[in-house]
C-alpha atoms as a PDB file:
ATOM      1  CA  MET A   1      26.993 176.917  80.880  1.00  0.00           C
ATOM      2  CA  ILE A   2      27.513 173.260  81.804  1.00  0.00           C
ATOM      3  CA  ALA A   3      25.559 170.564  79.951  1.00  0.00           C
ATOM      4  CA  LEU A   4      25.071 167.156  81.569  1.00  0.00           C
ATOM      5  CA  PHE A   5      25.324 164.142  79.279  1.00  0.00           C
ATOM      6  CA  THR A   6      25.032 160.887  81.247  1.00  0.00           C
ATOM      7  CA  ASP A   7      23.529 157.420  81.528  1.00  0.00           C
ATOM      8  CA  PHE A   8      22.664 157.953  85.203  1.00  0.00           C
ATOM      9  CA  GLY A   9      18.916 157.611  84.649  1.00  0.00           C
ATOM     10  CA  LEU A  10      16.068 159.922  85.550  1.00  0.00           C
ATOM     11  CA  ALA A  11      15.722 158.653  89.119  1.00  0.00           C
ATOM     12  CA  GLY A  12      18.130 158.095  91.977  1.00  0.00           C
ATOM     13  CA  PRO A  13      20.776 160.298  93.606  1.00  0.00           C
ATOM     14  CA  TYR A  14      23.531 160.437  90.985  1.00  0.00           C
ATOM     15  CA  THR A  15      22.567 163.483  88.935  1.00  0.00           C
ATOM     16  CA  GLY A  16      21.608 165.395  92.074  1.00  0.00           C
ATOM     17  CA  GLN A  17      24.928 164.731  93.761  1.00  0.00           C
ATOM     18  CA  MET A  18      26.845 165.791  90.684  1.00  0.00           C
ATOM     19  CA  LYS A  19      24.801 168.985  90.372  1.00  0.00           C
ATOM     20  CA  ALA A  20      25.491 169.804  94.010  1.00  0.00           C
ATOM     21  CA  VAL A  21      29.236 169.760  93.298  1.00  0.00           C
ATOM     22  CA  LEU A  22      28.769 171.994  90.254  1.00  0.00           C
ATOM     23  CA  MET A  23      26.615 174.507  92.122  1.00  0.00           C
ATOM     24  CA  ARG A  24      29.083 174.722  94.982  1.00  0.00           C
ATOM     25  CA  ARG A  25      32.163 175.095  92.794  1.00  0.00           C
ATOM     26  CA  ALA A  26      30.649 177.153  89.959  1.00  0.00           C
ATOM     27  CA  PRO A  27      27.876 179.235  91.542  1.00  0.00           C
ATOM     28  CA  GLY A  28      25.773 181.102  89.052  1.00  0.00           C
ATOM     29  CA  VAL A  29      26.802 178.988  86.064  1.00  0.00           C
ATOM     30  CA  PRO A  30      23.676 177.602  84.337  1.00  0.00           C
ATOM     31  CA  ILE A  31      23.342 173.805  84.256  1.00  0.00           C
ATOM     32  CA  VAL A  32      21.469 172.138  81.381  1.00  0.00           C
ATOM     33  CA  ASP A  33      20.161 168.568  81.574  1.00  0.00           C
ATOM     34  CA  LEU A  34      20.806 167.370  78.023  1.00  0.00           C
ATOM     35  CA  PHE A  35      20.688 163.575  78.442  1.00  0.00           C
ATOM     36  CA  ALA A  36      20.322 161.583  81.651  1.00  0.00           C
ATOM     37  CA  ASP A  37      19.068 158.409  79.962  1.00  0.00           C
ATOM     38  CA  LEU A  38      21.778 157.493  77.483  1.00  0.00           C
ATOM     39  CA  PRO A  39      22.115 153.759  76.807  1.00  0.00           C
ATOM     40  CA  ALA A  40      23.613 152.427  80.013  1.00  0.00           C
ATOM     41  CA  GLY A  41      27.298 151.589  79.845  1.00  0.00           C
ATOM     42  CA  ASP A  42      27.438 152.215  76.088  1.00  0.00           C
ATOM     43  CA  PRO A  43      29.951 154.974  75.259  1.00  0.00           C
ATOM     44  CA  LYS A  44      29.970 154.052  71.566  1.00  0.00           C
ATOM     45  CA  SER A  45      26.276 154.811  71.055  1.00  0.00           C
ATOM     46  CA  ALA A  46      26.606 157.925  73.183  1.00  0.00           C
ATOM     47  CA  ALA A  47      29.505 159.206  71.075  1.00  0.00           C
ATOM     48  CA  TYR A  48      27.317 159.555  67.982  1.00  0.00           C
ATOM     49  CA  LEU A  49      24.635 161.378  69.969  1.00  0.00           C
ATOM     50  CA  LEU A  50      27.118 163.785  71.535  1.00  0.00           C
ATOM     51  CA  ALA A  51      28.551 164.741  68.143  1.00  0.00           C
ATOM     52  CA  ALA A  52      25.041 165.481  66.853  1.00  0.00           C
ATOM     53  CA  TYR A  53      23.708 167.432  69.822  1.00  0.00           C
ATOM     54  CA  ASP A  54      26.750 169.479  70.832  1.00  0.00           C
ATOM     55  CA  GLN A  55      26.477 171.666  67.734  1.00  0.00           C
ATOM     56  CA  TRP A  56      23.392 173.391  69.121  1.00  0.00           C
ATOM     57  CA  PHE A  57      25.395 174.788  72.052  1.00  0.00           C
ATOM     58  CA  VAL A  58      27.369 177.927  71.276  1.00  0.00           C
ATOM     59  CA  PRO A  59      30.727 178.233  73.078  1.00  0.00           C
ATOM     60  CA  PRO A  60      31.602 178.835  75.838  1.00  0.00           C
ATOM     61  CA  ILE A  61      30.114 175.542  77.007  1.00  0.00           C
ATOM     62  CA  VAL A  62      31.363 172.607  79.079  1.00  0.00           C
ATOM     63  CA  PHE A  63      29.905 169.145  78.484  1.00  0.00           C
ATOM     64  CA  LEU A  64      30.118 166.979  81.583  1.00  0.00           C
ATOM     65  CA  ALA A  65      29.841 163.604  79.856  1.00  0.00           C
ATOM     66  CA  VAL A  66      29.774 160.437  81.933  1.00  0.00           C
ATOM     67  CA  VAL A  67      29.115 157.061  80.351  1.00  0.00           C
ATOM     68  CA  ASP A  68      31.757 155.122  82.167  1.00  0.00           C
ATOM     69  CA  PRO A  69      31.558 151.326  82.444  1.00  0.00           C
ATOM     70  CA  GLY A  70      35.306 151.289  83.188  1.00  0.00           C
ATOM     71  CA  VAL A  71      35.093 153.590  86.211  1.00  0.00           C
ATOM     72  CA  GLY A  72      37.802 152.756  88.737  1.00  0.00           C
ATOM     73  CA  SER A  73      39.975 150.979  86.153  1.00  0.00           C
ATOM     74  CA  SER A  74      43.136 152.202  84.432  1.00  0.00           C
ATOM     75  CA  ARG A  75      41.169 154.226  81.853  1.00  0.00           C
ATOM     76  CA  ARG A  76      42.112 157.896  82.086  1.00  0.00           C
ATOM     77  CA  GLY A  77      39.940 160.875  82.870  1.00  0.00           C
ATOM     78  CA  VAL A  78      40.346 163.494  80.159  1.00  0.00           C
ATOM     79  CA  VAL A  79      39.363 166.946  78.948  1.00  0.00           C
ATOM     80  CA  VAL A  80      38.868 167.686  75.264  1.00  0.00           C
ATOM     81  CA  LYS A  81      38.542 171.099  73.637  1.00  0.00           C
ATOM     82  CA  ALA A  82      36.993 170.899  70.182  1.00  0.00           C
ATOM     83  CA  ASP A  83      36.062 174.012  68.196  1.00  0.00           C
ATOM     84  CA  GLY A  84      35.791 176.051  71.377  1.00  0.00           C
ATOM     85  CA  ARG A  85      33.689 173.561  73.357  1.00  0.00           C
ATOM     86  CA  PHE A  86      35.045 171.684  76.393  1.00  0.00           C
ATOM     87  CA  TYR A  87      34.218 168.039  77.157  1.00  0.00           C
ATOM     88  CA  VAL A  88      35.048 166.305  80.440  1.00  0.00           C
ATOM     89  CA  GLY A  89      34.786 162.573  81.013  1.00  0.00           C
ATOM     90  CA  PRO A  90      36.392 159.155  80.632  1.00  0.00           C
ATOM     91  CA  GLU A  91      38.794 158.213  77.837  1.00  0.00           C
ATOM     92  CA  ASN A  92      36.734 155.390  76.383  1.00  0.00           C
ATOM     93  CA  GLY A  93      35.668 156.622  72.957  1.00  0.00           C
ATOM     94  CA  LEU A  94      32.932 158.921  74.231  1.00  0.00           C
ATOM     95  CA  PHE A  95      34.575 161.893  72.481  1.00  0.00           C
ATOM     96  CA  GLU A  96      35.703 160.068  69.324  1.00  0.00           C
ATOM     97  CA  LEU A  97      33.164 161.558  66.907  1.00  0.00           C
ATOM     98  CA  VAL A  98      33.552 165.023  68.429  1.00  0.00           C
ATOM     99  CA  LEU A  99      37.308 164.841  67.829  1.00  0.00           C
ATOM    100  CA  ARG A 100      36.896 163.407  64.348  1.00  0.00           C
ATOM    101  CA  ARG A 101      34.535 166.129  63.126  1.00  0.00           C
ATOM    102  CA  ALA A 102      36.167 169.153  64.769  1.00  0.00           C
ATOM    103  CA  LYS A 103      38.599 171.456  63.008  1.00  0.00           C
ATOM    104  CA  ASN A 104      40.595 172.475  66.105  1.00  0.00           C
ATOM    105  CA  VAL A 105      41.204 170.066  68.988  1.00  0.00           C
ATOM    106  CA  ARG A 106      43.288 169.799  72.132  1.00  0.00           C
ATOM    107  CA  GLY A 107      43.374 167.138  74.820  1.00  0.00           C
ATOM    108  CA  TRP A 108      44.421 166.896  78.460  1.00  0.00           C
ATOM    109  CA  GLU A 109      44.696 164.117  81.009  1.00  0.00           C
ATOM    110  CA  ILE A 110      43.192 164.946  84.384  1.00  0.00           C
ATOM    111  CA  VAL A 111      46.103 164.595  86.803  1.00  0.00           C
ATOM    112  CA  TRP A 112      44.443 166.301  89.782  1.00  0.00           C
ATOM    113  CA  ARG A 113      42.873 164.084  92.426  1.00  0.00           C
ATOM    114  CA  PRO A 114      40.518 165.145  95.215  1.00  0.00           C
ATOM    115  CA  GLU A 115      41.115 164.174  98.813  1.00  0.00           C
ATOM    116  CA  MET A 116      38.191 161.759  98.590  1.00  0.00           C
ATOM    117  CA  LEU A 117      37.832 159.820  95.322  1.00  0.00           C
ATOM    118  CA  SER A 118      35.386 156.943  95.306  1.00  0.00           C
ATOM    119  CA  ALA A 119      36.208 154.004  93.069  1.00  0.00           C
ATOM    120  CA  SER A 120      32.765 154.021  91.451  1.00  0.00           C
ATOM    121  CA  PHE A 121      31.599 157.659  91.145  1.00  0.00           C
ATOM    122  CA  HIS A 122      34.159 159.709  89.242  1.00  0.00           C
ATOM    123  CA  GLY A 123      31.321 161.777  87.800  1.00  0.00           C
ATOM    124  CA  ARG A 124      30.808 163.405  91.181  1.00  0.00           C
ATOM    125  CA  ASP A 125      34.308 163.281  92.655  1.00  0.00           C
ATOM    126  CA  LEU A 126      36.585 163.923  89.644  1.00  0.00           C
ATOM    127  CA  PHE A 127      34.766 165.083  86.522  1.00  0.00           C
ATOM    128  CA  ALA A 128      32.300 167.526  88.115  1.00  0.00           C
ATOM    129  CA  PRO A 129      35.008 169.547  89.937  1.00  0.00           C
ATOM    130  CA  ILE A 130      37.022 169.761  86.713  1.00  0.00           C
ATOM    131  CA  ALA A 131      33.957 170.827  84.707  1.00  0.00           C
ATOM    132  CA  ALA A 132      33.196 173.531  87.267  1.00  0.00           C
ATOM    133  CA  ARG A 133      36.772 174.786  87.167  1.00  0.00           C
ATOM    134  CA  LEU A 134      36.686 174.953  83.366  1.00  0.00           C
ATOM    135  CA  ALA A 135      33.411 176.868  83.418  1.00  0.00           C
ATOM    136  CA  VAL A 136      34.792 179.458  85.848  1.00  0.00           C
ATOM    137  CA  ASP A 137      38.515 179.776  85.055  1.00  0.00           C
ATOM    138  CA  GLY A 138      39.349 177.639  82.020  1.00  0.00           C
ATOM    139  CA  PRO A 139      42.071 174.938  81.957  1.00  0.00           C
ATOM    140  CA  ASP A 140      44.307 174.816  85.031  1.00  0.00           C
ATOM    141  CA  PRO A 141      47.820 173.450  84.298  1.00  0.00           C
ATOM    142  CA  ALA A 142      48.032 172.250  87.886  1.00  0.00           C
ATOM    143  CA  MET A 143      45.071 169.938  87.255  1.00  0.00           C
ATOM    144  CA  LEU A 144      45.535 168.984  83.602  1.00  0.00           C
ATOM    145  CA  ARG A 145      48.433 167.671  81.499  1.00  0.00           C
ATOM    146  CA  GLU A 146      48.242 168.073  77.739  1.00  0.00           C
ATOM    147  CA  THR A 147      48.104 164.732  75.945  1.00  0.00           C
ATOM    148  CA  GLU A 148      46.935 162.882  72.868  1.00  0.00           C
ATOM    149  CA  ILE A 149      43.508 161.338  73.355  1.00  0.00           C
ATOM    150  CA  ARG A 150      43.202 157.640  72.532  1.00  0.00           C
ATOM    151  CA  ARG A 151      41.252 157.241  69.299  1.00  0.00           C
ATOM    152  CA  MET A 152      38.803 154.616  68.045  1.00  0.00           C
ATOM    153  CA  ASP A 153      39.905 154.459  64.416  1.00  0.00           C
ATOM    154  CA  ASP A 154      37.820 151.359  63.676  1.00  0.00           C
ATOM    155  CA  TRP A 155      34.532 153.108  64.503  1.00  0.00           C
ATOM    156  CA  PRO A 156      32.633 154.216  61.375  1.00  0.00           C
ATOM    157  CA  ASP A 157      31.905 157.858  60.612  1.00  0.00           C
ATOM    158  CA  ASP A 158      28.192 157.010  60.736  1.00  0.00           C
ATOM    159  CA  LEU A 159      26.924 154.094  62.810  1.00  0.00           C
ATOM    160  CA  PRO A 160      24.199 151.997  61.110  1.00  0.00           C
ATOM    161  CA  ALA A 161      22.454 151.011  64.314  1.00  0.00           C
ATOM    162  CA  ILE A 162      19.896 152.276  66.819  1.00  0.00           C
ATOM    163  CA  VAL A 163      21.686 154.406  69.423  1.00  0.00           C
ATOM    164  CA  TYR A 164      18.771 155.870  71.413  1.00  0.00           C
ATOM    165  CA  LEU A 165      15.054 155.379  72.064  1.00  0.00           C
ATOM    166  CA  ASP A 166      13.299 158.551  73.141  1.00  0.00           C
ATOM    167  CA  HIS A 167      10.284 159.119  75.400  1.00  0.00           C
ATOM    168  CA  PHE A 168       7.911 158.770  72.434  1.00  0.00           C
ATOM    169  CA  GLY A 169       9.357 155.473  71.223  1.00  0.00           C
ATOM    170  CA  ASN A 170      11.194 157.020  68.284  1.00  0.00           C
ATOM    171  CA  ALA A 171      14.518 155.378  67.432  1.00  0.00           C
ATOM    172  CA  MET A 172      17.569 157.471  66.617  1.00  0.00           C
ATOM    173  CA  THR A 173      20.310 155.943  64.537  1.00  0.00           C
ATOM    174  CA  GLY A 174      23.984 156.869  64.586  1.00  0.00           C
ATOM    175  CA  MET A 175      23.783 157.973  60.964  1.00  0.00           C
ATOM    176  CA  ARG A 176      23.624 161.562  59.796  1.00  0.00           C
ATOM    177  CA  ALA A 177      20.753 161.937  57.348  1.00  0.00           C
ATOM    178  CA  ALA A 178      22.883 164.198  55.156  1.00  0.00           C
ATOM    179  CA  ALA A 179      25.400 161.362  54.715  1.00  0.00           C
ATOM    180  CA  LEU A 180      22.805 158.995  53.240  1.00  0.00           C
ATOM    181  CA  PRO A 181      22.253 158.815  49.471  1.00  0.00           C
ATOM    182  CA  PRO A 182      19.181 160.468  47.936  1.00  0.00           C
ATOM    183  CA  GLY A 183      16.173 158.157  48.082  1.00  0.00           C
ATOM    184  CA  ALA A 184      17.788 155.907  50.686  1.00  0.00           C
ATOM    185  CA  ARG A 185      15.551 153.417  52.446  1.00  0.00           C
ATOM    186  CA  LEU A 186      16.319 151.909  55.844  1.00  0.00           C
ATOM    187  CA  ALA A 187      15.798 148.221  56.525  1.00  0.00           C
ATOM    188  CA  ILE A 188      15.252 147.028  60.084  1.00  0.00           C
ATOM    189  CA  SER A 189      13.283 144.255  61.785  1.00  0.00           C
ATOM    190  CA  GLY A 190      12.234 142.822  58.445  1.00  0.00           C
ATOM    191  CA  ARG A 191      10.736 146.112  57.254  1.00  0.00           C
ATOM    192  CA  VAL A 192      11.964 148.548  54.622  1.00  0.00           C
ATOM    193  CA  LEU A 193      11.191 152.159  55.492  1.00  0.00           C
ATOM    194  CA  HIS A 194      10.952 155.092  53.125  1.00  0.00           C
ATOM    195  CA  ARG A 195      11.965 158.613  54.008  1.00  0.00           C
ATOM    196  CA  SER A 196       9.360 161.264  54.863  1.00  0.00           C
ATOM    197  CA  MET A 197       9.754 164.849  55.938  1.00  0.00           C
ATOM    198  CA  THR A 198       7.572 164.564  59.036  1.00  0.00           C
ATOM    199  CA  PHE A 199       4.944 162.474  60.818  1.00  0.00           C
ATOM    200  CA  SER A 200       1.879 163.822  59.015  1.00  0.00           C
ATOM    201  CA  ASP A 201       3.312 162.765  55.653  1.00  0.00           C
ATOM    202  CA  VAL A 202       2.376 159.142  56.395  1.00  0.00           C
ATOM    203  CA  PRO A 203      -0.966 157.670  57.502  1.00  0.00           C
ATOM    204  CA  PRO A 204      -1.583 156.882  61.191  1.00  0.00           C
ATOM    205  CA  GLY A 205       0.275 153.729  62.134  1.00  0.00           C
ATOM    206  CA  GLY A 206       2.710 154.098  59.272  1.00  0.00           C
ATOM    207  CA  ALA A 207       6.426 153.557  59.878  1.00  0.00           C
ATOM    208  CA  PHE A 208       9.033 155.746  58.196  1.00  0.00           C
ATOM    209  CA  TRP A 209      12.375 157.425  58.708  1.00  0.00           C
ATOM    210  CA  TYR A 210      13.188 161.123  58.677  1.00  0.00           C
ATOM    211  CA  GLU A 211      15.938 163.598  59.477  1.00  0.00           C
ATOM    212  CA  ASN A 212      15.403 164.643  63.062  1.00  0.00           C
ATOM    213  CA  ALA A 213      15.945 168.135  64.432  1.00  0.00           C
ATOM    214  CA  ASN A 214      19.587 167.335  65.191  1.00  0.00           C
ATOM    215  CA  GLY A 215      20.511 165.862  61.821  1.00  0.00           C
ATOM    216  CA  LEU A 216      20.286 162.147  62.634  1.00  0.00           C
ATOM    217  CA  ALA A 217      18.278 159.580  60.701  1.00  0.00           C
ATOM    218  CA  GLU A 218      15.431 158.617  63.015  1.00  0.00           C
ATOM    219  CA  ILE A 219      12.793 155.891  62.751  1.00  0.00           C
ATOM    220  CA  ALA A 220       9.239 156.680  63.832  1.00  0.00           C
ATOM    221  CA  VAL A 221       5.595 155.611  63.562  1.00  0.00           C
ATOM    222  CA  ASN A 222       2.896 158.245  63.072  1.00  0.00           C
ATOM    223  CA  THR A 223       0.688 158.282  66.219  1.00  0.00           C
ATOM    224  CA  GLY A 224       2.514 155.195  67.487  1.00  0.00           C
ATOM    225  CA  ARG A 225       5.705 153.933  69.068  1.00  0.00           C
ATOM    226  CA  ALA A 226       8.376 152.689  66.697  1.00  0.00           C
ATOM    227  CA  ASP A 227      10.063 150.688  69.437  1.00  0.00           C
ATOM    228  CA  GLY A 228       6.883 148.706  70.074  1.00  0.00           C
ATOM    229  CA  VAL A 229       5.586 148.407  66.512  1.00  0.00           C
ATOM    230  CA  LEU A 230       8.944 147.375  65.068  1.00  0.00           C
ATOM    231  CA  GLY A 231      10.441 145.722  68.143  1.00  0.00           C
ATOM    232  CA  LEU A 232      13.428 148.047  68.231  1.00  0.00           C
ATOM    233  CA  THR A 233      16.193 148.032  70.821  1.00  0.00           C
ATOM    234  CA  VAL A 234      19.430 149.988  71.203  1.00  0.00           C
ATOM    235  CA  GLY A 235      22.122 148.304  69.158  1.00  0.00           C
ATOM    236  CA  ALA A 236      19.766 146.885  66.544  1.00  0.00           C
ATOM    237  CA  PRO A 237      21.485 147.064  63.143  1.00  0.00           C
ATOM    238  CA  VAL A 238      20.057 149.221  60.354  1.00  0.00           C
ATOM    239  CA  ALA A 239      20.756 148.550  56.692  1.00  0.00           C
ATOM    240  CA  VAL A 240      20.754 151.255  54.034  1.00  0.00           C
ATOM    241  CA  CYS A 241      19.140 150.218  50.761  1.00  0.00           C
END
C-alpha cells in the first residue's frame, strides 16, 4: 500500500491531485491517508511523528511524505528504504529519525524528471510517480541513483517539544514515553503534569500526560482540550522533571 504523510491540509486540491497520479500509475494499490495536517512547513516535527507511526505498517509499504518548504530549491528529492519500508520525499530531515532508528537502510536520489515539473508541487509531479513505481515494481535504476542521505546529526533522539495537535486538542510531543525515566513529570505552560495510564484516571478537567497508542508522550485533559486549557502550540518546549 501507499501511505500519505503530508502538511497539505484537509481541504483544497493538493491531496486529490496527488491521489489521482497514484491511482493512474498504480491501479489497485491501496492508498491510506495517514496525516494530511502535519505542522505546515515543519519537517523536523514531522520527522518524529513519522518514526513513531511507520512501525504500525508492515512491509511492503511506501510512505509518500511531503513536508517541503524548500520545494523548487536545490534540495534533492530522495527515496529511503529502512527495514523494508520505502519513503519518498524531500531531503530536508524528514527521514532523519527513520534512518537513525532503522537497522538496515539504503538511500537514492531521484534523478528522473517528468516532462512537466512544476516549481511548487513536487508532491504531485515528482514524488507521487516515484511512489507509484516503487509500489508496483520496486526501485528503478533508470529513475534513482544510490546515494548517502544528508543527516541532521544535531537533532536529538527525542524532541522535548509539542510536534502535533490532534482533532481532540491533545498535544503529542516528540519524545518516546519509553525513553523517559520512571515517574517523570512534564512541565509546560507553567504547569507540571504527572503521568497517568488513560483519561479516566484523572478527574474531569484534569491535565496529565500519558503514553499514546503510538509510543509518544502526549499531553491531554480529561473531557477537555489540552491546547485550549494549557495554551499549547506546535513547537512549545516541554521540560522533563
